[in-house]
PDB file of N, CA and C in Angstrom:
ATOM      1  N   MET A   1       1.044  -1.225   0.066  1.00  0.00           N
ATOM      2  CA  MET A   1       0.088   0.024  -0.071  1.00  0.00           C
ATOM      3  C   MET A   1       0.867   1.287   0.168  1.00  0.00           C
ATOM      4  N   MET A   2       0.884   2.072  -0.954  1.00  0.00           N
ATOM      5  CA  MET A   2       1.579   3.314  -0.920  1.00  0.00           C
ATOM      6  C   MET A   2       0.820   4.470  -0.042  1.00  0.00           C
ATOM      7  N   ILE A   3       1.983   4.770   0.624  1.00  0.00           N
ATOM      8  CA  ILE A   3       1.487   5.825   1.729  1.00  0.00           C
ATOM      9  C   ILE A   3       1.441   7.452   1.168  1.00  0.00           C
ATOM     10  N   PRO A   4       0.338   8.180   1.400  1.00  0.00           N
ATOM     11  CA  PRO A   4       0.433   9.494   0.902  1.00  0.00           C
ATOM     12  C   PRO A   4       1.817  10.288   1.320  1.00  0.00           C
ATOM     13  N   PRO A   5       2.462  11.057   0.460  1.00  0.00           N
ATOM     14  CA  PRO A   5       3.828  11.948   1.235  1.00  0.00           C
ATOM     15  C   PRO A   5       3.114  12.482   2.661  1.00  0.00           C
ATOM     16  N   ALA A   6       1.830  13.269   2.675  1.00  0.00           N
ATOM     17  CA  ALA A   6       1.293  13.905   4.003  1.00  0.00           C
ATOM     18  C   ALA A   6       1.235  12.936   5.153  1.00  0.00           C
ATOM     19  N   ALA A   7       1.014  11.838   4.874  1.00  0.00           N
ATOM     20  CA  ALA A   7       0.747  10.764   5.698  1.00  0.00           C
ATOM     21  C   ALA A   7       2.080  10.171   6.114  1.00  0.00           C
ATOM     22  N   ARG A   8       3.027  10.060   5.340  1.00  0.00           N
ATOM     23  CA  ARG A   8       4.176   9.476   5.436  1.00  0.00           C
ATOM     24  C   ARG A   8       5.205  10.465   6.741  1.00  0.00           C
ATOM     25  N   PHE A   9       4.647  11.628   6.609  1.00  0.00           N
ATOM     26  CA  PHE A   9       5.183  12.415   7.988  1.00  0.00           C
ATOM     27  C   PHE A   9       4.947  11.879   9.385  1.00  0.00           C
ATOM     28  N   PHE A  10       3.890  11.210   9.602  1.00  0.00           N
ATOM     29  CA  PHE A  10       3.605  10.710  10.710  1.00  0.00           C
ATOM     30  C   PHE A  10       4.516   9.380  11.027  1.00  0.00           C
ATOM     31  N   VAL A  11       4.626   8.802   9.745  1.00  0.00           N
ATOM     32  CA  VAL A  11       5.605   7.478   9.936  1.00  0.00           C
ATOM     33  C   VAL A  11       6.987   8.021  10.308  1.00  0.00           C
ATOM     34  N   GLN A  12       7.629   8.876   9.662  1.00  0.00           N
ATOM     35  CA  GLN A  12       8.874   9.512  10.196  1.00  0.00           C
ATOM     36  C   GLN A  12       8.703   9.796  11.755  1.00  0.00           C
ATOM     37  N   LEU A  13       7.925  10.719  12.150  1.00  0.00           N
ATOM     38  CA  LEU A  13       7.478  11.399  13.137  1.00  0.00           C
ATOM     39  C   LEU A  13       7.713  10.344  14.573  1.00  0.00           C
ATOM     40  N   ALA A  14       7.054   9.097  13.998  1.00  0.00           N
ATOM     41  CA  ALA A  14       6.674   7.938  14.857  1.00  0.00           C
ATOM     42  C   ALA A  14       8.211   7.282  15.070  1.00  0.00           C
ATOM     43  N   GLY A  15       8.988   7.175  14.076  1.00  0.00           N
ATOM     44  CA  GLY A  15      10.281   6.950  14.459  1.00  0.00           C
ATOM     45  C   GLY A  15      11.234   7.679  15.423  1.00  0.00           C
ATOM     46  N   VAL A  16      10.736   8.762  15.286  1.00  0.00           N
ATOM     47  CA  VAL A  16      11.873   9.990  16.065  1.00  0.00           C
ATOM     48  C   VAL A  16      11.258   9.821  17.586  1.00  0.00           C
ATOM     49  N   SER A  17       9.614   9.741  17.679  1.00  0.00           N
ATOM     50  CA  SER A  17       9.140   9.567  18.999  1.00  0.00           C
ATOM     51  C   SER A  17       9.193   8.184  19.629  1.00  0.00           C
ATOM     52  N   GLY A  18       9.256   7.241  18.920  1.00  0.00           N
ATOM     53  CA  GLY A  18       9.774   6.100  19.165  1.00  0.00           C
ATOM     54  C   GLY A  18      11.218   5.769  19.905  1.00  0.00           C
ATOM     55  N   ALA A  19      12.277   6.405  19.120  1.00  0.00           N
ATOM     56  CA  ALA A  19      13.440   6.350  19.627  1.00  0.00           C
ATOM     57  C   ALA A  19      13.675   7.530  20.666  1.00  0.00           C
ATOM     58  N   ALA A  20      12.984   8.428  20.896  1.00  0.00           N
ATOM     59  CA  ALA A  20      13.028   9.248  21.965  1.00  0.00           C
ATOM     60  C   ALA A  20      12.450   8.561  23.403  1.00  0.00           C
ATOM     61  N   ALA A  21      11.382   7.839  23.010  1.00  0.00           N
ATOM     62  CA  ALA A  21      10.846   6.862  24.215  1.00  0.00           C
ATOM     63  C   ALA A  21      11.766   5.923  24.784  1.00  0.00           C
ATOM     64  N   VAL A  22      12.557   5.583  23.802  1.00  0.00           N
ATOM     65  CA  VAL A  22      13.440   4.164  24.274  1.00  0.00           C
ATOM     66  C   VAL A  22      14.965   5.178  25.159  1.00  0.00           C
ATOM     67  N   ILE A  23      15.186   6.132  24.383  1.00  0.00           N
ATOM     68  CA  ILE A  23      16.297   7.146  25.309  1.00  0.00           C
ATOM     69  C   ILE A  23      15.696   7.456  26.508  1.00  0.00           C
ATOM     70  N   LEU A  24      14.609   7.906  26.325  1.00  0.00           N
ATOM     71  CA  LEU A  24      14.083   8.529  27.857  1.00  0.00           C
ATOM     72  C   LEU A  24      13.587   7.401  28.918  1.00  0.00           C
ATOM     73  N   GLY A  25      13.291   6.167  28.425  1.00  0.00           N
ATOM     74  CA  GLY A  25      13.087   5.007  29.203  1.00  0.00           C
ATOM     75  C   GLY A  25      14.258   4.548  29.848  1.00  0.00           C
ATOM     76  N   ALA A  26      15.550   4.670  29.085  1.00  0.00           N
ATOM     77  CA  ALA A  26      17.087   4.352  29.619  1.00  0.00           C
ATOM     78  C   ALA A  26      17.411   5.323  30.295  1.00  0.00           C
ATOM     79  N   TYR A  27      17.149   6.691  30.306  1.00  0.00           N
ATOM     80  CA  TYR A  27      17.459   7.780  31.396  1.00  0.00           C
ATOM     81  C   TYR A  27      16.740   7.448  32.689  1.00  0.00           C
ATOM     82  N   GLY A  28      15.148   7.212  32.316  1.00  0.00           N
ATOM     83  CA  GLY A  28      14.470   6.556  33.438  1.00  0.00           C
ATOM     84  C   GLY A  28      14.924   5.508  34.520  1.00  0.00           C
ATOM     85  N   ALA A  29      15.664   4.684  33.683  1.00  0.00           N
ATOM     86  CA  ALA A  29      15.903   3.235  34.658  1.00  0.00           C
ATOM     87  C   ALA A  29      17.251   3.427  35.330  1.00  0.00           C
ATOM     88  N   HIS A  30      18.042   4.196  34.347  1.00  0.00           N
ATOM     89  CA  HIS A  30      19.718   4.270  34.774  1.00  0.00           C
ATOM     90  C   HIS A  30      20.200   5.527  35.328  1.00  0.00           C
ATOM     91  N   ALA A  31      19.671   6.803  35.603  1.00  0.00           N
ATOM     92  CA  ALA A  31      20.171   7.832  35.496  1.00  0.00           C
ATOM     93  C   ALA A  31      19.260   8.894  36.624  1.00  0.00           C
ATOM     94  N   PHE A  32      17.937   8.674  36.211  1.00  0.00           N
ATOM     95  CA  PHE A  32      16.927   9.544  36.750  1.00  0.00           C
ATOM     96  C   PHE A  32      16.884   9.222  38.364  1.00  0.00           C
ATOM     97  N   LYS A  33      17.119  10.188  39.171  1.00  0.00           N
ATOM     98  CA  LYS A  33      17.125  10.324  40.651  1.00  0.00           C
ATOM     99  C   LYS A  33      15.627  11.143  40.925  1.00  0.00           C
ATOM    100  N   PRO A  34      14.604  10.458  41.106  1.00  0.00           N
ATOM    101  CA  PRO A  34      13.440  11.320  41.271  1.00  0.00           C
ATOM    102  C   PRO A  34      13.529  11.693  42.991  1.00  0.00           C
ATOM    103  N   SER A  35      12.771  12.763  43.083  1.00  0.00           N
ATOM    104  CA  SER A  35      12.789  13.182  44.589  1.00  0.00           C
ATOM    105  C   SER A  35      11.719  12.483  45.466  1.00  0.00           C
ATOM    106  N   THR A  36      10.723  11.795  44.401  1.00  0.00           N
ATOM    107  CA  THR A  36       9.792  11.237  45.409  1.00  0.00           C
ATOM    108  C   THR A  36       9.155   9.869  44.878  1.00  0.00           C
ATOM    109  N   PRO A  37       8.847   8.568  45.376  1.00  0.00           N
ATOM    110  CA  PRO A  37       8.265   7.703  44.437  1.00  0.00           C
ATOM    111  C   PRO A  37       7.392   7.897  43.323  1.00  0.00           C
ATOM    112  N   GLU A  38       6.406   8.829  43.665  1.00  0.00           N
ATOM    113  CA  GLU A  38       5.442   9.239  42.948  1.00  0.00           C
ATOM    114  C   GLU A  38       5.936   9.720  41.640  1.00  0.00           C
ATOM    115  N   ALA A  39       7.204  10.701  41.786  1.00  0.00           N
ATOM    116  CA  ALA A  39       7.838  11.395  40.311  1.00  0.00           C
ATOM    117  C   ALA A  39       8.347   9.999  39.378  1.00  0.00           C
ATOM    118  N   ARG A  40       8.729   9.273  40.126  1.00  0.00           N
ATOM    119  CA  ARG A  40       9.349   8.103  39.528  1.00  0.00           C
ATOM    120  C   ARG A  40       8.164   7.176  38.728  1.00  0.00           C
ATOM    121  N   GLU A  41       6.755   7.268  39.721  1.00  0.00           N
ATOM    122  CA  GLU A  41       5.853   6.564  38.786  1.00  0.00           C
ATOM    123  C   GLU A  41       5.248   7.238  37.904  1.00  0.00           C
ATOM    124  N   VAL A  42       5.046   8.595  37.876  1.00  0.00           N
ATOM    125  CA  VAL A  42       4.338   9.189  36.912  1.00  0.00           C
ATOM    126  C   VAL A  42       5.410   9.081  35.600  1.00  0.00           C
ATOM    127  N   PHE A  43       6.935   9.173  35.886  1.00  0.00           N
ATOM    128  CA  PHE A  43       7.696   8.909  34.617  1.00  0.00           C
ATOM    129  C   PHE A  43       7.753   7.848  33.927  1.00  0.00           C
ATOM    130  N   GLU A  44       7.536   6.931  34.725  1.00  0.00           N
ATOM    131  CA  GLU A  44       7.343   5.390  34.057  1.00  0.00           C
ATOM    132  C   GLU A  44       5.788   5.253  33.463  1.00  0.00           C
ATOM    133  N   THR A  45       4.864   5.951  33.657  1.00  0.00           N
ATOM    134  CA  THR A  45       3.678   5.970  33.386  1.00  0.00           C
ATOM    135  C   THR A  45       3.707   6.818  31.944  1.00  0.00           C
ATOM    136  N   GLY A  46       4.098   8.065  31.915  1.00  0.00           N
ATOM    137  CA  GLY A  46       4.698   8.789  30.737  1.00  0.00           C
ATOM    138  C   GLY A  46       5.409   8.148  29.500  1.00  0.00           C
ATOM    139  N   ASN A  47       6.313   7.175  30.279  1.00  0.00           N
ATOM    140  CA  ASN A  47       7.138   6.582  29.187  1.00  0.00           C
ATOM    141  C   ASN A  47       6.332   5.563  28.275  1.00  0.00           C
ATOM    142  N   ARG A  48       5.694   4.665  29.338  1.00  0.00           N
ATOM    143  CA  ARG A  48       4.972   3.562  28.643  1.00  0.00           C
ATOM    144  C   ARG A  48       4.041   3.982  27.832  1.00  0.00           C
ATOM    145  N   TYR A  49       3.113   5.236  27.800  1.00  0.00           N
ATOM    146  CA  TYR A  49       2.222   5.902  27.078  1.00  0.00           C
ATOM    147  C   TYR A  49       2.980   6.337  25.831  1.00  0.00           C
ATOM    148  N   HIS A  50       4.230   6.863  26.205  1.00  0.00           N
ATOM    149  CA  HIS A  50       4.916   7.416  25.108  1.00  0.00           C
ATOM    150  C   HIS A  50       5.450   6.449  24.010  1.00  0.00           C
ATOM    151  N   LEU A  51       5.741   5.364  24.441  1.00  0.00           N
ATOM    152  CA  LEU A  51       6.093   4.036  23.441  1.00  0.00           C
ATOM    153  C   LEU A  51       5.071   3.622  22.872  1.00  0.00           C
ATOM    154  N   ILE A  52       3.816   3.178  23.613  1.00  0.00           N
ATOM    155  CA  ILE A  52       2.654   2.566  22.752  1.00  0.00           C
ATOM    156  C   ILE A  52       2.245   3.401  22.119  1.00  0.00           C
ATOM    157  N   HIS A  53       2.102   4.802  22.139  1.00  0.00           N
ATOM    158  CA  HIS A  53       1.468   5.632  20.970  1.00  0.00           C
ATOM    159  C   HIS A  53       2.450   6.101  20.137  1.00  0.00           C
ATOM    160  N   SER A  54       3.710   5.947  20.177  1.00  0.00           N
ATOM    161  CA  SER A  54       4.529   5.825  19.252  1.00  0.00           C
ATOM    162  C   SER A  54       4.322   5.207  18.108  1.00  0.00           C
ATOM    163  N   VAL A  55       3.989   3.825  18.657  1.00  0.00           N
ATOM    164  CA  VAL A  55       3.796   2.857  17.632  1.00  0.00           C
ATOM    165  C   VAL A  55       2.333   2.938  16.919  1.00  0.00           C
ATOM    166  N   ALA A  56       1.453   3.373  17.663  1.00  0.00           N
ATOM    167  CA  ALA A  56       0.020   3.905  17.074  1.00  0.00           C
ATOM    168  C   ALA A  56       0.200   4.868  15.990  1.00  0.00           C
ATOM    169  N   LEU A  57       1.222   5.840  16.334  1.00  0.00           N
ATOM    170  CA  LEU A  57       1.239   7.042  15.579  1.00  0.00           C
ATOM    171  C   LEU A  57       1.764   6.662  14.003  1.00  0.00           C
ATOM    172  N   GLY A  58       2.532   5.541  14.113  1.00  0.00           N
ATOM    173  CA  GLY A  58       3.250   5.008  12.793  1.00  0.00           C
ATOM    174  C   GLY A  58       2.221   4.232  12.029  1.00  0.00           C
ATOM    175  N   LEU A  59       1.111   3.839  12.753  1.00  0.00           N
ATOM    176  CA  LEU A  59      -0.038   3.279  11.922  1.00  0.00           C
ATOM    177  C   LEU A  59      -1.208   4.237  11.350  1.00  0.00           C
ATOM    178  N   ALA A  60      -1.185   5.361  11.781  1.00  0.00           N
ATOM    179  CA  ALA A  60      -1.941   6.397  11.523  1.00  0.00           C
ATOM    180  C   ALA A  60      -2.143   6.718  10.114  1.00  0.00           C
ATOM    181  N   PRO A  61      -1.073   6.302   9.340  1.00  0.00           N
ATOM    182  CA  PRO A  61      -1.427   6.594   7.670  1.00  0.00           C
ATOM    183  C   PRO A  61      -2.314   5.456   7.057  1.00  0.00           C
ATOM    184  N   PHE A  62      -2.654   4.591   7.955  1.00  0.00           N
ATOM    185  CA  PHE A  62      -3.375   3.388   7.608  1.00  0.00           C
ATOM    186  C   PHE A  62      -4.774   3.573   7.862  1.00  0.00           C
ATOM    187  N   SER A  63      -4.999   4.586   8.678  1.00  0.00           N
ATOM    188  CA  SER A  63      -6.365   4.994   8.948  1.00  0.00           C
ATOM    189  C   SER A  63      -7.154   5.610   8.096  1.00  0.00           C
ATOM    190  N   ARG A  64      -8.445   5.639   8.145  1.00  0.00           N
ATOM    191  CA  ARG A  64      -9.307   6.547   7.171  1.00  0.00           C
ATOM    192  C   ARG A  64      -9.112   7.727   6.986  1.00  0.00           C
ATOM    193  N   HIS A  65      -8.771   8.547   8.300  1.00  0.00           N
ATOM    194  CA  HIS A  65      -8.668   9.998   8.339  1.00  0.00           C
ATOM    195  C   HIS A  65      -7.152   9.936   9.020  1.00  0.00           C
ATOM    196  N   PRO A  66      -5.954   9.780   8.086  1.00  0.00           N
ATOM    197  CA  PRO A  66      -4.644   9.839   8.693  1.00  0.00           C
ATOM    198  C   PRO A  66      -4.319  11.014   9.402  1.00  0.00           C
ATOM    199  N   LYS A  67      -4.614  12.108   8.769  1.00  0.00           N
ATOM    200  CA  LYS A  67      -3.913  13.411   9.145  1.00  0.00           C
ATOM    201  C   LYS A  67      -4.848  13.751  10.689  1.00  0.00           C
ATOM    202  N   VAL A  68      -5.555  13.397  10.586  1.00  0.00           N
ATOM    203  CA  VAL A  68      -6.732  13.708  11.886  1.00  0.00           C
ATOM    204  C   VAL A  68      -6.107  12.913  12.974  1.00  0.00           C
ATOM    205  N   THR A  69      -6.046  11.351  12.722  1.00  0.00           N
ATOM    206  CA  THR A  69      -5.355  10.739  13.532  1.00  0.00           C
ATOM    207  C   THR A  69      -4.192  10.886  14.114  1.00  0.00           C
ATOM    208  N   GLY A  70      -3.041  11.089  13.133  1.00  0.00           N
ATOM    209  CA  GLY A  70      -1.731  11.504  13.605  1.00  0.00           C
ATOM    210  C   GLY A  70      -1.553  12.861  14.198  1.00  0.00           C
ATOM    211  N   LEU A  71      -2.332  13.936  13.796  1.00  0.00           N
ATOM    212  CA  LEU A  71      -2.462  15.043  14.695  1.00  0.00           C
ATOM    213  C   LEU A  71      -2.846  14.899  16.052  1.00  0.00           C
ATOM    214  N   LEU A  72      -3.878  13.890  16.254  1.00  0.00           N
ATOM    215  CA  LEU A  72      -4.525  13.957  17.576  1.00  0.00           C
ATOM    216  C   LEU A  72      -3.555  12.804  18.607  1.00  0.00           C
ATOM    217  N   PHE A  73      -2.695  11.729  17.736  1.00  0.00           N
ATOM    218  CA  PHE A  73      -1.857  11.177  18.529  1.00  0.00           C
ATOM    219  C   PHE A  73      -0.618  11.894  18.954  1.00  0.00           C
ATOM    220  N   THR A  74      -0.163  12.909  18.056  1.00  0.00           N
ATOM    221  CA  THR A  74       0.895  13.908  18.319  1.00  0.00           C
ATOM    222  C   THR A  74       0.637  14.590  19.411  1.00  0.00           C
ATOM    223  N   LEU A  75      -0.685  15.288  19.132  1.00  0.00           N
ATOM    224  CA  LEU A  75      -0.630  16.133  20.536  1.00  0.00           C
ATOM    225  C   LEU A  75      -0.874  15.690  21.768  1.00  0.00           C
ATOM    226  N   GLY A  76      -1.673  14.317  21.617  1.00  0.00           N
ATOM    227  CA  GLY A  76      -1.906  13.737  22.993  1.00  0.00           C
ATOM    228  C   GLY A  76      -0.650  13.279  23.472  1.00  0.00           C
ATOM    229  N   MET A  77       0.532  12.870  22.918  1.00  0.00           N
ATOM    230  CA  MET A  77       1.541  12.241  23.256  1.00  0.00           C
ATOM    231  C   MET A  77       2.354  13.661  23.988  1.00  0.00           C
ATOM    232  N   LEU A  78       2.424  14.683  23.223  1.00  0.00           N
ATOM    233  CA  LEU A  78       2.825  15.807  23.811  1.00  0.00           C
ATOM    234  C   LEU A  78       2.189  16.472  25.272  1.00  0.00           C
ATOM    235  N   GLY A  79       0.959  16.537  25.071  1.00  0.00           N
ATOM    236  CA  GLY A  79       0.270  16.809  26.198  1.00  0.00           C
ATOM    237  C   GLY A  79       0.433  15.837  27.330  1.00  0.00           C
ATOM    238  N   PHE A  80       0.053  14.634  27.063  1.00  0.00           N
ATOM    239  CA  PHE A  80      -0.049  13.440  28.080  1.00  0.00           C
ATOM    240  C   PHE A  80       1.523  13.101  28.564  1.00  0.00           C
ATOM    241  N   CYS A  81       2.185  12.469  27.627  1.00  0.00           N
ATOM    242  CA  CYS A  81       3.603  12.156  28.372  1.00  0.00           C
ATOM    243  C   CYS A  81       4.319  13.267  28.429  1.00  0.00           C
ATOM    244  N   GLY A  82       4.274  14.499  27.612  1.00  0.00           N
ATOM    245  CA  GLY A  82       5.258  15.593  28.070  1.00  0.00           C
ATOM    246  C   GLY A  82       4.654  16.074  29.524  1.00  0.00           C
ATOM    247  N   SER A  83       3.582  16.116  29.741  1.00  0.00           N
ATOM    248  CA  SER A  83       3.427  16.443  31.137  1.00  0.00           C
ATOM    249  C   SER A  83       3.787  15.897  32.160  1.00  0.00           C
ATOM    250  N   CYS A  84       3.762  14.407  31.951  1.00  0.00           N
ATOM    251  CA  CYS A  84       4.392  13.374  32.781  1.00  0.00           C
ATOM    252  C   CYS A  84       5.860  13.774  33.092  1.00  0.00           C
ATOM    253  N   TYR A  85       6.402  13.429  32.187  1.00  0.00           N
ATOM    254  CA  TYR A  85       8.207  14.054  32.106  1.00  0.00           C
ATOM    255  C   TYR A  85       8.196  15.146  32.849  1.00  0.00           C
ATOM    256  N   GLY A  86       7.557  16.392  32.557  1.00  0.00           N
ATOM    257  CA  GLY A  86       8.021  17.852  33.002  1.00  0.00           C
ATOM    258  C   GLY A  86       7.638  17.571  34.261  1.00  0.00           C
ATOM    259  N   TYR A  87       6.467  16.906  34.810  1.00  0.00           N
ATOM    260  CA  TYR A  87       6.232  17.051  36.374  1.00  0.00           C
ATOM    261  C   TYR A  87       7.071  15.937  37.029  1.00  0.00           C
ATOM    262  N   SER A  88       7.737  14.851  36.127  1.00  0.00           N
ATOM    263  CA  SER A  88       8.634  14.199  37.279  1.00  0.00           C
ATOM    264  C   SER A  88       9.951  14.844  37.296  1.00  0.00           C
ATOM    265  N   LEU A  89      10.310  15.576  35.970  1.00  0.00           N
ATOM    266  CA  LEU A  89      11.766  16.091  35.963  1.00  0.00           C
ATOM    267  C   LEU A  89      11.853  17.348  36.848  1.00  0.00           C
ATOM    268  N   ALA A  90      10.598  18.062  36.584  1.00  0.00           N
ATOM    269  CA  ALA A  90      10.752  19.615  37.234  1.00  0.00           C
ATOM    270  C   ALA A  90      10.077  19.636  38.350  1.00  0.00           C
ATOM    271  N   GLN A  91       9.135  18.905  38.696  1.00  0.00           N
ATOM    272  CA  GLN A  91       8.213  19.025  39.702  1.00  0.00           C
ATOM    273  C   GLN A  91       7.223  20.293  39.235  1.00  0.00           C
ATOM    274  N   SER A  92       6.971  20.363  37.986  1.00  0.00           N
ATOM    275  CA  SER A  92       6.277  21.415  37.773  1.00  0.00           C
ATOM    276  C   SER A  92       4.487  21.186  37.628  1.00  0.00           C
ATOM    277  N   GLN A  93       3.711  21.805  38.289  1.00  0.00           N
ATOM    278  CA  GLN A  93       2.471  21.670  38.526  1.00  0.00           C
ATOM    279  C   GLN A  93       1.657  22.011  37.336  1.00  0.00           C
ATOM    280  N   THR A  94       2.590  22.994  36.849  1.00  0.00           N
ATOM    281  CA  THR A  94       1.624  23.616  35.505  1.00  0.00           C
ATOM    282  C   THR A  94       1.732  22.742  34.493  1.00  0.00           C
ATOM    283  N   LEU A  95       2.730  22.012  34.079  1.00  0.00           N
ATOM    284  CA  LEU A  95       2.771  21.020  33.179  1.00  0.00           C
ATOM    285  C   LEU A  95       1.948  20.047  33.458  1.00  0.00           C
ATOM    286  N   ARG A  96       2.070  19.400  34.738  1.00  0.00           N
ATOM    287  CA  ARG A  96       0.874  18.451  35.175  1.00  0.00           C
ATOM    288  C   ARG A  96      -0.556  18.565  35.045  1.00  0.00           C
ATOM    289  N   GLN A  97      -1.112  19.690  34.658  1.00  0.00           N
ATOM    290  CA  GLN A  97      -2.478  20.188  34.451  1.00  0.00           C
ATOM    291  C   GLN A  97      -2.893  19.881  32.818  1.00  0.00           C
ATOM    292  N   MET A  98      -1.675  19.848  32.406  1.00  0.00           N
ATOM    293  CA  MET A  98      -1.731  19.606  30.831  1.00  0.00           C
ATOM    294  C   MET A  98      -2.063  18.213  30.457  1.00  0.00           C
ATOM    295  N   ALA A  99      -1.906  17.268  31.449  1.00  0.00           N
ATOM    296  CA  ALA A  99      -2.206  15.840  31.220  1.00  0.00           C
ATOM    297  C   ALA A  99      -3.377  15.317  31.009  1.00  0.00           C
ATOM    298  N   PRO A 100      -4.907  16.129  31.401  1.00  0.00           N
ATOM    299  CA  PRO A 100      -5.973  15.642  30.945  1.00  0.00           C
ATOM    300  C   PRO A 100      -6.388  15.706  29.517  1.00  0.00           C
ATOM    301  N   TYR A 101      -5.733  16.968  29.200  1.00  0.00           N
ATOM    302  CA  TYR A 101      -6.088  17.557  27.376  1.00  0.00           C
ATOM    303  C   TYR A 101      -5.203  16.530  26.909  1.00  0.00           C
ATOM    304  N   GLY A 102      -3.951  16.012  27.166  1.00  0.00           N
ATOM    305  CA  GLY A 102      -3.230  15.051  26.261  1.00  0.00           C
ATOM    306  C   GLY A 102      -4.087  13.911  26.243  1.00  0.00           C
ATOM    307  N   GLY A 103      -4.495  13.446  27.412  1.00  0.00           N
ATOM    308  CA  GLY A 103      -5.366  12.201  27.381  1.00  0.00           C
ATOM    309  C   GLY A 103      -6.585  12.033  26.529  1.00  0.00           C
ATOM    310  N   ILE A 104      -7.125  13.486  26.498  1.00  0.00           N
ATOM    311  CA  ILE A 104      -8.537  13.668  25.740  1.00  0.00           C
ATOM    312  C   ILE A 104      -8.061  13.436  24.169  1.00  0.00           C
ATOM    313  N   CYS A 105      -7.082  14.061  23.893  1.00  0.00           N
ATOM    314  CA  CYS A 105      -6.490  13.910  22.428  1.00  0.00           C
ATOM    315  C   CYS A 105      -6.106  12.385  22.170  1.00  0.00           C
ATOM    316  N   LEU A 106      -5.605  11.622  23.138  1.00  0.00           N
ATOM    317  CA  LEU A 106      -5.287  10.180  22.932  1.00  0.00           C
ATOM    318  C   LEU A 106      -6.481   9.647  22.915  1.00  0.00           C
ATOM    319  N   ILE A 107      -7.475   9.599  23.325  1.00  0.00           N
ATOM    320  CA  ILE A 107      -8.527   9.048  23.283  1.00  0.00           C
ATOM    321  C   ILE A 107      -9.464   9.338  22.133  1.00  0.00           C
ATOM    322  N   LEU A 108      -9.281  10.612  21.634  1.00  0.00           N
ATOM    323  CA  LEU A 108      -9.891  10.913  20.242  1.00  0.00           C
ATOM    324  C   LEU A 108      -9.220  10.337  19.449  1.00  0.00           C
ATOM    325  N   ALA A 109      -7.892  10.263  19.334  1.00  0.00           N
ATOM    326  CA  ALA A 109      -7.122   9.672  18.404  1.00  0.00           C
ATOM    327  C   ALA A 109      -7.512   8.099  18.289  1.00  0.00           C
ATOM    328  N   TRP A 110      -7.609   7.226  19.271  1.00  0.00           N
ATOM    329  CA  TRP A 110      -8.358   5.687  19.226  1.00  0.00           C
ATOM    330  C   TRP A 110      -9.557   5.796  18.704  1.00  0.00           C
ATOM    331  N   LEU A 111     -10.323   6.804  18.969  1.00  0.00           N
ATOM    332  CA  LEU A 111     -11.666   6.817  18.211  1.00  0.00           C
ATOM    333  C   LEU A 111     -11.917   7.032  16.928  1.00  0.00           C
ATOM    334  N   SER A 112     -10.922   8.049  16.579  1.00  0.00           N
ATOM    335  CA  SER A 112     -10.965   8.528  15.156  1.00  0.00           C
ATOM    336  C   SER A 112     -10.462   7.059  14.230  1.00  0.00           C
ATOM    337  N   LEU A 113     -10.176   6.081  14.683  1.00  0.00           N
ATOM    338  CA  LEU A 113      -9.940   4.618  13.986  1.00  0.00           C
ATOM    339  C   LEU A 113     -11.192   4.210  13.570  1.00  0.00           C
ATOM    340  N   ILE A 114     -12.326   4.474  14.251  1.00  0.00           N
ATOM    341  CA  ILE A 114     -13.529   3.887  14.179  1.00  0.00           C
ATOM    342  C   ILE A 114     -14.234   4.404  12.899  1.00  0.00           C
ATOM    343  N   PHE A 115     -14.348   5.489  13.054  1.00  0.00           N
ATOM    344  CA  PHE A 115     -14.990   6.567  12.205  1.00  0.00           C
ATOM    345  C   PHE A 115     -14.385   7.020  10.445  1.00  0.00           C
TER     346      PHE A 115
END
């Protein structure tokens, strides 16, 4: 199946995102010294979601609406995973407040596969 050039971007972005997830996972496992057990748990949750949704992003071009699906997965990862990383690394409550919006984008991305 030929992937349209506009959708191919999401496959490339998924590659970068997946590599970043693995790098951050290695950092979290070997170098990250969290200030609290909660910070470690939040970091690990963000990393798990990051890796799973990087794979999903790579499959977005095969959806019925690849640009919508890819955009929602991208925004969701930035909002949810990014806020988890930001909270864990910097104890930023402001970043933590973005998590629900990112989560909503991830839910909508999965639902976009239905329609």
